[in-house]
Structures are given as structure tokens and as C-alpha cells.
Amino acid sequence: MTVHTISNRHYEHIMEIVLTSVLITICICGLIGNVIVLIIGVIRRRYQNNVTNCYIMNLAVNDFLFLLISVPLTTYLGATKTWIFGEFICKMHIYLAHVCLLFQLNRK
């Protein structure tokens, strides 16, 4: 083994840890933030008063589902570089991630 090979492995390991930490932080903060928005919206029922509040509630639900479905599976795949969940979950994961993203992009 050369020093160059060892440093590359060390760099890849550090990048896996950083990527996993960032994605977990984003997921947790996003889930907490969206839950707060949903709780406030449901308690106050202001989402029924105008279109903007209804749109914000829809985005919160969609973002919550995206963070709940896509980010944990993507984080696991990025950290382990293997997929153990089977072909059906793989296809549904990709499909639902695209549906959630298109829903956010197409809402005007």
C-alpha cells in the first residue's frame, strides 16, 4: 500500500461521515420544522382562510413525506454503497422521490 492509497481511503471515509451527518441534520431539522408548521396550521385552521396558507400546508406535507421517505434511504445508500431493501422499495423510493419533487416544482 502506498501513502496515496491510504490517504484516499481516509478521505473517502471522512466524506462519508460528513455526508451522513449533513443529511441526518437536514432530515431532522426539516421534519421538526414541517411538523411545527403542520401543528400550527391544524390548530389555528388558518390554512382554510386563503390560498397562500393552503399552499404552505401542502408544501409542508409534501416536504415532510419527502424527508421521511427519500432522505433516510438515500443517506443509507450513500453511507454503505449497498442496497438491501429489495427491488420494489428501490423503484418506489425513486418514484415517490420524483413525485414529491415534481409536486414542489409544479405548484405555482
N, C-alpha and C. Protein backbone atom coordinates (compact mmCIF):
# COMPACT_ATOMS: atom_id res chain seq x y z
N MET A 1 0.84 -1.19 0.00
CA MET A 1 0.00 0.00 0.00
C MET A 1 0.87 1.24 0.00
N THR A 2 0.43 2.18 -0.75
CA THR A 2 1.16 3.43 -0.79
C THR A 2 0.48 4.45 0.10
N VAL A 3 1.18 5.50 0.37
CA VAL A 3 0.63 6.59 1.18
C VAL A 3 -0.55 7.22 0.47
N HIS A 4 -0.46 7.27 -0.87
CA HIS A 4 -1.54 7.86 -1.66
C HIS A 4 -2.84 7.06 -1.51
N THR A 5 -2.76 5.73 -1.51
CA THR A 5 -3.93 4.87 -1.34
C THR A 5 -4.52 5.03 0.04
N ILE A 6 -3.70 5.08 1.05
CA ILE A 6 -4.19 5.24 2.42
C ILE A 6 -4.87 6.59 2.58
N SER A 7 -4.32 7.64 2.03
CA SER A 7 -4.92 8.96 2.17
C SER A 7 -6.24 9.04 1.41
N ASN A 8 -6.36 8.35 0.27
CA ASN A 8 -7.63 8.32 -0.46
C ASN A 8 -8.71 7.62 0.34
N ARG A 9 -8.37 6.50 0.96
CA ARG A 9 -9.34 5.78 1.79
C ARG A 9 -9.75 6.63 2.99
N HIS A 10 -8.80 7.29 3.58
CA HIS A 10 -9.09 8.15 4.72
C HIS A 10 -10.01 9.30 4.29
N TYR A 11 -9.73 9.90 3.15
CA TYR A 11 -10.55 10.98 2.62
C TYR A 11 -11.97 10.49 2.33
N GLU A 12 -12.11 9.32 1.71
CA GLU A 12 -13.44 8.78 1.41
C GLU A 12 -14.22 8.51 2.69
N HIS A 13 -13.55 8.00 3.71
CA HIS A 13 -14.21 7.73 4.99
C HIS A 13 -14.69 9.03 5.64
N ILE A 14 -13.86 10.04 5.61
CA ILE A 14 -14.25 11.34 6.17
C ILE A 14 -15.43 11.92 5.41
N MET A 15 -15.41 11.80 4.08
CA MET A 15 -16.51 12.34 3.27
C MET A 15 -17.82 11.58 3.53
N GLU A 16 -17.76 10.28 3.76
CA GLU A 16 -18.95 9.51 4.10
C GLU A 16 -19.53 9.98 5.43
N ILE A 17 -18.67 10.23 6.40
CA ILE A 17 -19.13 10.70 7.71
C ILE A 17 -19.75 12.09 7.58
N VAL A 18 -19.11 12.97 6.82
CA VAL A 18 -19.64 14.33 6.64
C VAL A 18 -20.97 14.29 5.90
N LEU A 19 -21.06 13.52 4.82
CA LEU A 19 -22.30 13.41 4.06
C LEU A 19 -23.43 12.87 4.93
N THR A 20 -23.16 11.82 5.67
CA THR A 20 -24.17 11.24 6.54
C THR A 20 -24.61 12.23 7.61
N SER A 21 -23.68 12.92 8.21
CA SER A 21 -24.01 13.91 9.25
C SER A 21 -24.87 15.04 8.70
N VAL A 22 -24.50 15.54 7.54
CA VAL A 22 -25.26 16.64 6.93
C VAL A 22 -26.68 16.19 6.57
N LEU A 23 -26.81 15.02 5.95
CA LEU A 23 -28.14 14.55 5.56
C LEU A 23 -29.01 14.24 6.78
N ILE A 24 -28.44 13.69 7.83
CA ILE A 24 -29.22 13.43 9.04
C ILE A 24 -29.66 14.74 9.68
N THR A 25 -28.77 15.72 9.72
CA THR A 25 -29.12 17.03 10.28
C THR A 25 -30.23 17.70 9.48
N ILE A 26 -30.12 17.67 8.16
CA ILE A 26 -31.16 18.24 7.30
C ILE A 26 -32.49 17.52 7.51
N CYS A 27 -32.44 16.21 7.60
CA CYS A 27 -33.66 15.42 7.78
C CYS A 27 -34.34 15.75 9.11
N ILE A 28 -33.57 15.77 10.17
CA ILE A 28 -34.15 16.04 11.50
C ILE A 28 -34.71 17.45 11.57
N CYS A 29 -33.94 18.44 11.12
CA CYS A 29 -34.41 19.83 11.16
C CYS A 29 -35.64 20.02 10.27
N GLY A 30 -35.62 19.41 9.10
CA GLY A 30 -36.76 19.52 8.19
C GLY A 30 -38.01 18.88 8.75
N LEU A 31 -37.86 17.70 9.33
CA LEU A 31 -39.02 17.02 9.91
C LEU A 31 -39.60 17.83 11.07
N ILE A 32 -38.74 18.33 11.93
CA ILE A 32 -39.21 19.13 13.07
C ILE A 32 -39.89 20.40 12.58
N GLY A 33 -39.28 21.09 11.62
CA GLY A 33 -39.87 22.31 11.09
C GLY A 33 -41.21 22.08 10.43
N ASN A 34 -41.32 21.03 9.65
CA ASN A 34 -42.59 20.75 8.97
C ASN A 34 -43.67 20.31 9.96
N VAL A 35 -43.28 19.57 10.97
CA VAL A 35 -44.26 19.18 12.00
C VAL A 35 -44.78 20.42 12.72
N ILE A 36 -43.90 21.36 13.02
CA ILE A 36 -44.33 22.60 13.68
C ILE A 36 -45.31 23.36 12.79
N VAL A 37 -44.98 23.49 11.50
CA VAL A 37 -45.88 24.17 10.57
C VAL A 37 -47.23 23.47 10.50
N LEU A 38 -47.22 22.15 10.43
CA LEU A 38 -48.48 21.40 10.34
C LEU A 38 -49.29 21.52 11.62
N ILE A 39 -48.64 21.44 12.77
CA ILE A 39 -49.37 21.56 14.04
C ILE A 39 -50.00 22.94 14.17
N ILE A 40 -49.22 23.98 13.89
CA ILE A 40 -49.76 25.34 13.98
C ILE A 40 -50.90 25.52 12.98
N GLY A 41 -50.72 25.00 11.78
CA GLY A 41 -51.77 25.14 10.77
C GLY A 41 -53.04 24.41 11.14
N VAL A 42 -52.92 23.24 11.70
CA VAL A 42 -54.12 22.47 12.08
C VAL A 42 -54.79 23.09 13.31
N ILE A 43 -54.01 23.53 14.29
CA ILE A 43 -54.60 24.12 15.50
C ILE A 43 -55.32 25.42 15.17
N ARG A 44 -54.68 26.27 14.41
CA ARG A 44 -55.27 27.58 14.12
C ARG A 44 -56.26 27.54 12.96
N ARG A 45 -56.19 26.51 12.15
CA ARG A 45 -57.06 26.34 10.98
C ARG A 45 -57.03 27.54 10.04
N ARG A 46 -55.92 28.22 10.00
CA ARG A 46 -55.80 29.37 9.11
C ARG A 46 -55.55 28.95 7.67
N TYR A 47 -55.19 27.69 7.46
CA TYR A 47 -54.96 27.23 6.10
C TYR A 47 -56.26 27.21 5.30
N GLN A 48 -57.40 27.27 5.96
CA GLN A 48 -58.68 27.27 5.28
C GLN A 48 -59.10 28.68 4.84
N ASN A 49 -58.41 29.70 5.34
CA ASN A 49 -58.84 31.08 5.08
C ASN A 49 -58.42 31.60 3.72
N ASN A 50 -57.23 31.26 3.26
CA ASN A 50 -56.80 31.76 1.96
C ASN A 50 -55.91 30.75 1.25
N VAL A 51 -55.64 31.03 -0.01
CA VAL A 51 -54.90 30.11 -0.85
C VAL A 51 -53.44 29.98 -0.41
N THR A 52 -52.84 31.06 0.03
CA THR A 52 -51.43 31.03 0.42
C THR A 52 -51.21 30.08 1.59
N ASN A 53 -52.05 30.15 2.60
CA ASN A 53 -51.90 29.25 3.75
C ASN A 53 -52.15 27.80 3.36
N CYS A 54 -53.08 27.57 2.47
CA CYS A 54 -53.34 26.21 1.99
C CYS A 54 -52.12 25.68 1.23
N TYR A 55 -51.52 26.54 0.43
CA TYR A 55 -50.31 26.18 -0.32
C TYR A 55 -49.16 25.85 0.63
N ILE A 56 -49.00 26.63 1.67
CA ILE A 56 -47.93 26.37 2.65
C ILE A 56 -48.16 25.04 3.35
N MET A 57 -49.40 24.74 3.69
CA MET A 57 -49.70 23.45 4.31
C MET A 57 -49.41 22.29 3.36
N ASN A 58 -49.78 22.45 2.09
CA ASN A 58 -49.50 21.41 1.11
C ASN A 58 -47.99 21.19 0.94
N LEU A 59 -47.24 22.27 0.90
CA LEU A 59 -45.79 22.14 0.79
C LEU A 59 -45.19 21.49 2.03
N ALA A 60 -45.72 21.81 3.20
CA ALA A 60 -45.22 21.20 4.43
C ALA A 60 -45.47 19.69 4.43
N VAL A 61 -46.65 19.28 4.00
CA VAL A 61 -46.97 17.84 3.94
C VAL A 61 -46.06 17.15 2.94
N ASN A 62 -45.90 17.76 1.77
CA ASN A 62 -45.06 17.17 0.73
C ASN A 62 -43.61 17.09 1.17
N ASP A 63 -43.10 18.15 1.75
CA ASP A 63 -41.71 18.16 2.21
C ASP A 63 -41.50 17.14 3.33
N PHE A 64 -42.47 17.02 4.22
CA PHE A 64 -42.42 16.04 5.30
C PHE A 64 -42.31 14.63 4.72
N LEU A 65 -43.15 14.32 3.73
CA LEU A 65 -43.12 12.99 3.13
C LEU A 65 -41.79 12.74 2.40
N PHE A 66 -41.28 13.75 1.71
CA PHE A 66 -40.01 13.60 1.03
C PHE A 66 -38.88 13.33 2.02
N LEU A 67 -38.86 14.09 3.10
CA LEU A 67 -37.82 13.89 4.12
C LEU A 67 -37.97 12.55 4.82
N LEU A 68 -39.18 12.09 4.98
CA LEU A 68 -39.43 10.82 5.67
C LEU A 68 -39.10 9.62 4.78
N ILE A 69 -39.34 9.74 3.47
CA ILE A 69 -39.17 8.62 2.56
C ILE A 69 -37.79 8.62 1.91
N SER A 70 -37.42 9.72 1.32
CA SER A 70 -36.25 9.73 0.45
C SER A 70 -34.92 9.94 1.17
N VAL A 71 -34.87 10.86 2.09
CA VAL A 71 -33.58 11.21 2.70
C VAL A 71 -32.97 10.06 3.51
N PRO A 72 -33.74 9.34 4.34
CA PRO A 72 -33.11 8.23 5.08
C PRO A 72 -32.57 7.13 4.16
N LEU A 73 -33.32 6.79 3.12
CA LEU A 73 -32.86 5.74 2.21
C LEU A 73 -31.65 6.21 1.41
N THR A 74 -31.65 7.46 0.98
CA THR A 74 -30.51 8.00 0.25
C THR A 74 -29.27 8.08 1.15
N THR A 75 -29.48 8.46 2.40
CA THR A 75 -28.37 8.51 3.35
C THR A 75 -27.77 7.13 3.56
N TYR A 76 -28.62 6.14 3.73
CA TYR A 76 -28.13 4.77 3.92
C TYR A 76 -27.36 4.30 2.69
N LEU A 77 -27.90 4.58 1.51
CA LEU A 77 -27.23 4.17 0.28
C LEU A 77 -25.89 4.88 0.13
N GLY A 78 -25.83 6.15 0.45
CA GLY A 78 -24.59 6.89 0.35
C GLY A 78 -23.54 6.42 1.35
N ALA A 79 -23.99 6.02 2.53
CA ALA A 79 -23.05 5.59 3.56
C ALA A 79 -22.52 4.18 3.34
N THR A 80 -23.39 3.29 2.90
CA THR A 80 -22.98 1.89 2.77
C THR A 80 -22.64 1.47 1.34
N LYS A 81 -23.12 2.22 0.38
CA LYS A 81 -22.92 1.92 -1.05
C LYS A 81 -23.52 0.57 -1.43
N THR A 82 -24.48 0.09 -0.65
CA THR A 82 -25.21 -1.14 -0.99
C THR A 82 -26.70 -0.90 -0.76
N TRP A 83 -27.53 -1.65 -1.47
CA TRP A 83 -28.97 -1.54 -1.33
C TRP A 83 -29.49 -2.88 -0.86
N ILE A 84 -30.09 -2.92 0.32
CA ILE A 84 -30.55 -4.18 0.89
C ILE A 84 -32.07 -4.26 0.96
N PHE A 85 -32.77 -3.25 0.47
CA PHE A 85 -34.22 -3.17 0.67
C PHE A 85 -35.03 -3.83 -0.42
N GLY A 86 -34.42 -4.36 -1.43
CA GLY A 86 -35.13 -5.06 -2.48
C GLY A 86 -35.50 -4.15 -3.65
N GLU A 87 -35.91 -4.81 -4.73
CA GLU A 87 -36.19 -4.08 -5.96
C GLU A 87 -37.45 -3.23 -5.86
N PHE A 88 -38.48 -3.72 -5.20
CA PHE A 88 -39.73 -2.97 -5.08
C PHE A 88 -39.52 -1.65 -4.32
N ILE A 89 -38.84 -1.71 -3.19
CA ILE A 89 -38.58 -0.49 -2.41
C ILE A 89 -37.71 0.46 -3.21
N CYS A 90 -36.76 -0.07 -3.96
CA CYS A 90 -35.91 0.77 -4.80
C CYS A 90 -36.74 1.55 -5.81
N LYS A 91 -37.62 0.85 -6.50
CA LYS A 91 -38.45 1.51 -7.51
C LYS A 91 -39.44 2.49 -6.87
N MET A 92 -40.03 2.10 -5.75
CA MET A 92 -40.98 3.00 -5.09
C MET A 92 -40.27 4.22 -4.51
N HIS A 93 -39.08 4.02 -3.98
CA HIS A 93 -38.29 5.13 -3.44
C HIS A 93 -38.01 6.16 -4.53
N ILE A 94 -37.56 5.69 -5.69
CA ILE A 94 -37.26 6.60 -6.79
C ILE A 94 -38.53 7.27 -7.29
N TYR A 95 -39.60 6.49 -7.44
CA TYR A 95 -40.88 7.05 -7.91
C TYR A 95 -41.41 8.12 -6.96
N LEU A 96 -41.47 7.80 -5.68
CA LEU A 96 -42.01 8.75 -4.71
C LEU A 96 -41.13 9.99 -4.57
N ALA A 97 -39.83 9.83 -4.66
CA ALA A 97 -38.94 10.99 -4.61
C ALA A 97 -39.20 11.92 -5.79
N HIS A 98 -39.37 11.35 -6.97
CA HIS A 98 -39.66 12.18 -8.14
C HIS A 98 -41.04 12.82 -8.06
N VAL A 99 -42.02 12.09 -7.57
CA VAL A 99 -43.36 12.67 -7.42
C VAL A 99 -43.34 13.84 -6.44
N CYS A 100 -42.67 13.67 -5.32
CA CYS A 100 -42.59 14.76 -4.33
C CYS A 100 -41.87 15.97 -4.89
N LEU A 101 -40.77 15.73 -5.59
CA LEU A 101 -40.04 16.85 -6.17
C LEU A 101 -40.84 17.55 -7.25
N LEU A 102 -41.51 16.80 -8.10
CA LEU A 102 -42.32 17.41 -9.15
C LEU A 102 -43.50 18.16 -8.57
N PHE A 103 -44.06 17.66 -7.49
CA PHE A 103 -45.16 18.35 -6.83
C PHE A 103 -44.70 19.72 -6.33
N GLN A 104 -43.51 19.78 -5.76
CA GLN A 104 -42.99 21.06 -5.26
C GLN A 104 -42.66 22.01 -6.40
N LEU A 105 -42.13 21.48 -7.50
CA LEU A 105 -41.72 22.33 -8.60
C LEU A 105 -42.89 22.84 -9.43
N ASN A 106 -43.94 22.06 -9.53
CA ASN A 106 -45.06 22.41 -10.42
C ASN A 106 -46.13 23.24 -9.73
N ARG A 107 -46.01 23.48 -8.46
CA ARG A 107 -47.00 24.28 -7.74
C ARG A 107 -46.67 25.75 -7.92
N LYS A 108 -47.57 26.49 -8.53
CA LYS A 108 -47.34 27.93 -8.74
C LYS A 108 -48.45 28.74 -8.15
